[in-house]
Amino acid sequence: MSENRPNHSEEKLEPADLAETSPVMKWLDNFWYHYKWTVIVVIFFVSVITVAIVQFATRPEYDIHIVYAGYYRMDSAERARFEDTVNGICPRDFNGNGEKLVNIRDFQIYSEQEMIEEQSRYEAESDHFVINRKYNADEFNSFSNYTLTGDSAVYIISPSLYENLKSADRLAPLSDLYPDGNLPAGAMEDGIGIAFGETDFYRYNPSMQVLQDDLVLCILKPNLVGANSKDKAYGEAKEFFCAVADYRVEK
């Protein structure tokens, strides 16, 4: 009578046994033991760089950058309509990629007077209203720093911010854009800004009317750095400015 003996050659190797007997597994085990944190750090940085490259490769190519700065913050739907309108007014496809696309850099900033008026309005409606003064100061500083980058030349801003830029001699006179002296509707007495609320572009586009009607349309002088230090980019900014200022609706 034969005995049933176990066939040791067919026994399944346990993981520990495999690591001890396989040269490859032994090398991997040793490598992971010594370089585990190096591998983790390398994977982390490779992931971050990959994400950055993908975002850079897929980001929109804008024809022009403009600035809006005032106390009203558009919600997502209002902003989308605003973007559609300014894309439509862009005079041409500056970068030649087949579409007209305008980037809007916006800042929510209250002047002291606007804070007082907003507070009074809310109190009259029995609503609670508190302005975060630190946030307001941070937005103002961000706006001031952005004006130095040269990314944007066309600005639609509140009267107080307009006066700040004008007093610092940062704004170009309208005569630079209209040398024949035939200034557009809404041109202010100082010959520098245009009352945005008096333009047809504001009055006949509801997407613009969500903003305060005392905003000022103006253009910076060429910067020493950034896109607006280059003749081509600054010339395109002037084209866009004139497209907004000269917009007309026949009555």
Protein backbone atom coordinates (compact mmCIF):
# COMPACT_ATOMS: atom_id res chain seq x y z
CA MET A 1 0.00 0.00 0.00
CA SER A 2 1.54 3.26 -1.09
CA GLU A 3 1.65 6.29 1.13
CA ASN A 4 0.38 9.67 0.01
CA ARG A 5 3.35 11.90 0.55
CA PRO A 6 3.13 15.64 -0.02
CA ASN A 7 4.83 16.92 -3.16
CA HIS A 8 7.05 19.62 -1.77
CA SER A 9 7.99 20.79 -5.25
CA GLU A 10 4.40 21.92 -5.83
CA GLU A 11 3.96 23.78 -2.55
CA LYS A 12 3.11 27.47 -2.97
CA LEU A 13 5.91 29.79 -1.94
CA GLU A 14 5.00 32.32 0.70
CA PRO A 15 5.88 35.99 0.01
CA ALA A 16 8.74 35.89 2.50
CA ASP A 17 10.14 32.77 0.85
CA LEU A 18 9.85 34.38 -2.59
CA ALA A 19 11.75 37.45 -1.47
CA GLU A 20 14.49 35.27 -0.01
CA THR A 21 14.87 33.03 -3.07
CA SER A 22 14.27 35.45 -6.01
CA PRO A 23 17.29 37.67 -6.81
CA VAL A 24 15.02 40.28 -8.39
CA MET A 25 12.70 40.43 -5.39
CA LYS A 26 15.66 40.52 -3.06
CA TRP A 27 17.11 43.48 -4.99
CA LEU A 28 13.78 45.33 -4.98
CA ASP A 29 13.33 44.73 -1.27
CA ASN A 30 16.81 46.04 -0.56
CA PHE A 31 16.34 49.03 -2.89
CA TRP A 32 13.03 50.02 -1.29
CA TYR A 33 14.53 49.70 2.19
CA HIS A 34 17.37 52.09 1.38
CA TYR A 35 15.68 54.52 -1.07
CA LYS A 36 12.02 54.54 -0.07
CA TRP A 37 11.85 58.25 0.81
CA THR A 38 13.93 59.26 -2.20
CA VAL A 39 11.48 57.47 -4.47
CA ILE A 40 8.49 59.08 -2.73
CA VAL A 41 9.99 62.58 -3.05
CA VAL A 42 10.88 62.04 -6.73
CA ILE A 43 7.36 60.78 -7.52
CA PHE A 44 5.87 63.82 -5.77
CA PHE A 45 7.94 66.33 -7.75
CA VAL A 46 7.42 64.51 -11.04
CA SER A 47 3.65 64.62 -10.40
CA VAL A 48 3.74 68.35 -9.62
CA ILE A 49 5.82 69.13 -12.71
CA THR A 50 3.56 67.00 -14.91
CA VAL A 51 0.44 68.80 -13.67
CA ALA A 52 2.12 72.17 -14.25
CA ILE A 53 3.12 71.23 -17.80
CA VAL A 54 -0.41 70.02 -18.60
CA GLN A 55 -1.95 73.21 -17.21
CA PHE A 56 0.50 75.37 -19.16
CA ALA A 57 -0.14 73.46 -22.38
CA THR A 58 -3.93 73.66 -22.03
CA ARG A 59 -4.36 77.21 -20.72
CA PRO A 60 -6.23 79.62 -23.01
CA GLU A 61 -4.30 81.87 -25.38
CA TYR A 62 -5.72 85.34 -24.84
CA ASP A 63 -5.70 88.09 -27.44
CA ILE A 64 -5.61 90.82 -24.84
CA HIS A 65 -5.81 91.38 -21.07
CA ILE A 66 -7.98 94.08 -19.50
CA VAL A 67 -8.71 95.15 -15.93
CA TYR A 68 -11.96 95.80 -14.10
CA ALA A 69 -11.70 97.20 -10.58
CA GLY A 70 -14.65 98.42 -8.55
CA TYR A 71 -16.71 97.60 -5.48
CA TYR A 72 -19.06 95.16 -7.23
CA ARG A 73 -18.03 91.52 -7.56
CA MET A 74 -19.73 89.78 -10.48
CA ASP A 75 -21.12 86.31 -9.85
CA SER A 76 -20.21 83.46 -12.21
CA ALA A 77 -23.19 83.97 -14.54
CA GLU A 78 -22.65 87.74 -14.75
CA ARG A 79 -18.96 87.28 -15.38
CA ALA A 80 -19.64 84.77 -18.18
CA ARG A 81 -21.96 87.26 -19.92
CA PHE A 82 -19.43 90.05 -19.38
CA GLU A 83 -16.69 87.91 -20.96
CA ASP A 84 -18.88 87.05 -23.95
CA THR A 85 -19.56 90.74 -24.58
CA VAL A 86 -15.94 91.87 -24.39
CA ASN A 87 -14.87 88.93 -26.55
CA GLY A 88 -17.38 90.15 -29.13
CA ILE A 89 -16.10 93.74 -29.06
CA CYS A 90 -12.47 92.67 -29.55
CA PRO A 91 -11.67 94.21 -32.96
CA ARG A 92 -9.73 91.24 -34.34
CA ASP A 93 -7.98 87.96 -33.59
CA PHE A 94 -4.70 89.47 -32.43
CA ASN A 95 -2.81 86.20 -31.88
CA GLY A 96 -4.21 84.52 -34.99
CA ASN A 97 -5.38 81.32 -33.26
CA GLY A 98 -8.85 81.43 -34.80
CA GLU A 99 -10.82 82.95 -31.91
CA LYS A 100 -11.09 86.25 -30.08
CA LEU A 101 -10.54 85.80 -26.36
CA VAL A 102 -10.17 88.56 -23.77
CA ASN A 103 -8.88 87.93 -20.25
CA ILE A 104 -10.51 90.02 -17.51
CA ARG A 105 -8.42 90.62 -14.40
CA ASP A 106 -10.80 91.88 -11.73
CA PHE A 107 -10.35 93.41 -8.29
CA GLN A 108 -13.04 94.18 -5.72
CA ILE A 109 -12.07 97.44 -4.04
CA TYR A 110 -14.11 99.94 -2.01
CA SER A 111 -13.07 103.53 -1.53
CA GLU A 112 -13.75 105.06 1.88
CA GLN A 113 -16.71 106.97 0.47
CA GLU A 114 -18.11 103.84 -1.18
CA MET A 115 -17.86 102.00 2.14
CA ILE A 116 -19.88 104.72 3.86
CA GLU A 117 -22.52 104.77 1.11
CA GLU A 118 -22.83 100.99 1.04
CA GLN A 119 -23.14 100.86 4.83
CA SER A 120 -25.91 103.48 4.76
CA ARG A 121 -27.78 101.63 2.02
CA TYR A 122 -27.73 98.34 3.90
CA GLU A 123 -28.76 100.00 7.15
CA ALA A 124 -31.71 101.61 5.36
CA GLU A 125 -32.76 98.15 4.21
CA SER A 126 -32.24 96.73 7.73
CA ASP A 127 -29.52 94.41 6.46
CA HIS A 128 -26.24 93.71 8.21
CA PHE A 129 -23.21 94.83 6.26
CA VAL A 130 -19.54 94.63 7.22
CA ILE A 131 -16.60 95.22 4.90
CA ASN A 132 -13.46 93.19 5.52
CA ARG A 133 -10.97 96.03 5.58
CA LYS A 134 -7.96 93.72 5.41
CA TYR A 135 -9.32 92.02 2.29
CA ASN A 136 -10.05 95.44 0.79
CA ALA A 137 -6.49 96.60 1.52
CA ASP A 138 -5.06 93.37 0.08
CA GLU A 139 -7.09 93.81 -3.12
CA PHE A 140 -5.91 97.41 -3.44
CA ASN A 141 -2.28 96.34 -3.01
CA SER A 142 -2.74 93.54 -5.56
CA PHE A 143 -4.26 96.04 -7.99
CA SER A 144 -1.40 98.52 -7.46
CA ASN A 145 1.21 95.82 -7.98
CA TYR A 146 -0.56 94.51 -11.07
CA THR A 147 -0.42 97.92 -12.74
CA LEU A 148 3.38 97.60 -12.67
CA THR A 149 3.50 94.25 -14.49
CA GLY A 150 2.66 95.60 -17.93
CA ASP A 151 0.21 92.76 -18.58
CA SER A 152 -2.76 95.08 -19.20
CA ALA A 153 -3.15 98.60 -20.51
CA VAL A 154 -6.96 98.92 -20.78
CA TYR A 155 -8.63 99.63 -17.43
CA ILE A 156 -12.29 100.03 -16.41
CA ILE A 157 -12.04 101.29 -12.85
CA SER A 158 -13.75 103.23 -10.08
CA PRO A 159 -13.29 107.02 -9.86
CA SER A 160 -11.04 106.75 -6.79
CA LEU A 161 -8.69 104.27 -8.47
CA TYR A 162 -8.72 106.41 -11.60
CA GLU A 163 -7.65 109.46 -9.59
CA ASN A 164 -4.85 107.44 -7.98
CA LEU A 165 -3.43 106.42 -11.34
CA LYS A 166 -3.91 109.89 -12.81
CA SER A 167 -2.14 111.59 -9.90
CA ALA A 168 0.78 109.16 -10.34
CA ASP A 169 0.98 110.16 -14.06
CA ARG A 170 0.32 106.55 -15.12
CA LEU A 171 -2.44 107.28 -17.66
CA ALA A 172 -2.12 108.20 -21.32
CA PRO A 173 -4.08 111.19 -22.64
CA LEU A 174 -6.87 110.55 -25.12
CA SER A 175 -5.02 112.73 -27.65
CA ASP A 176 -2.54 109.84 -28.04
CA LEU A 177 -5.39 107.71 -29.41
CA TYR A 178 -7.36 110.50 -31.12
CA PRO A 179 -4.75 112.90 -32.51
CA ASP A 180 -7.38 114.64 -34.68
CA GLY A 181 -9.07 115.89 -31.50
CA ASN A 182 -12.36 114.16 -32.33
CA LEU A 183 -12.87 112.53 -28.91
CA PRO A 184 -15.52 109.85 -28.31
CA ALA A 185 -18.70 110.27 -26.29
CA GLY A 186 -18.11 110.34 -22.56
CA ALA A 187 -14.65 111.88 -22.82
CA MET A 188 -13.92 113.62 -19.52
CA GLU A 189 -12.81 117.22 -19.18
CA ASP A 190 -9.32 116.18 -18.12
CA GLY A 191 -8.79 114.63 -21.58
CA ILE A 192 -7.62 111.35 -20.07
CA GLY A 193 -10.57 109.18 -19.07
CA ILE A 194 -13.94 108.26 -20.55
CA ALA A 195 -17.06 108.03 -18.39
CA PHE A 196 -17.88 104.38 -18.99
CA GLY A 197 -21.55 104.82 -18.09
CA GLU A 198 -21.95 107.37 -20.90
CA THR A 199 -20.66 105.05 -23.62
CA ASP A 200 -23.04 103.16 -25.89
CA PHE A 201 -21.11 100.05 -25.00
CA TYR A 202 -22.34 100.37 -21.42
CA ARG A 203 -25.80 101.75 -22.13
CA TYR A 204 -26.80 99.13 -24.71
CA ASN A 205 -25.22 96.01 -23.22
CA PRO A 206 -27.02 94.67 -20.12
CA SER A 207 -23.95 92.57 -19.31
CA MET A 208 -22.08 95.82 -18.64
CA GLN A 209 -24.85 97.37 -16.58
CA VAL A 210 -24.33 95.04 -13.62
CA LEU A 211 -21.34 97.28 -12.87
CA GLN A 212 -21.53 100.72 -11.31
CA ASP A 213 -22.26 103.46 -13.85
CA ASP A 214 -19.55 105.85 -12.63
CA LEU A 215 -16.64 103.68 -13.76
CA VAL A 216 -13.91 105.23 -15.90
CA LEU A 217 -12.44 103.73 -19.07
CA CYS A 218 -8.76 104.61 -19.37
CA ILE A 219 -5.46 103.35 -20.74
CA LEU A 220 -2.08 103.19 -19.07
CA LYS A 221 1.02 104.68 -20.57
CA PRO A 222 3.42 102.06 -21.94
CA ASN A 223 5.20 100.16 -19.18
CA LEU A 224 8.94 99.69 -18.90
CA VAL A 225 8.40 95.94 -18.57
CA GLY A 226 5.81 93.39 -19.64
CA ALA A 227 3.71 93.07 -22.77
CA ASN A 228 2.82 96.76 -22.83
CA SER A 229 6.46 97.73 -23.15
CA LYS A 230 6.30 96.29 -26.68
CA ASP A 231 4.86 98.37 -29.54
CA LYS A 232 2.77 95.51 -30.97
CA ALA A 233 1.00 94.62 -27.70
CA TYR A 234 0.44 98.26 -26.76
CA GLY A 235 -0.93 99.00 -30.23
CA GLU A 236 -3.41 96.13 -29.83
CA ALA A 237 -4.47 97.52 -26.44
CA LYS A 238 -5.18 100.89 -28.09
CA GLU A 239 -7.24 99.15 -30.77
CA PHE A 240 -9.34 97.42 -28.13
CA PHE A 241 -9.78 100.65 -26.17
CA CYS A 242 -11.02 102.48 -29.25
CA ALA A 243 -13.37 99.60 -30.14
CA VAL A 244 -15.08 100.04 -26.76
CA ALA A 245 -15.01 103.85 -26.75
CA ASP A 246 -16.21 104.17 -30.37
CA TYR A 247 -18.99 101.56 -30.06
CA ARG A 248 -22.19 103.07 -31.45
CA VAL A 249 -25.82 102.00 -31.60
CA GLU A 250 -27.81 103.75 -34.28
CA LYS A 251 -31.02 105.20 -32.87
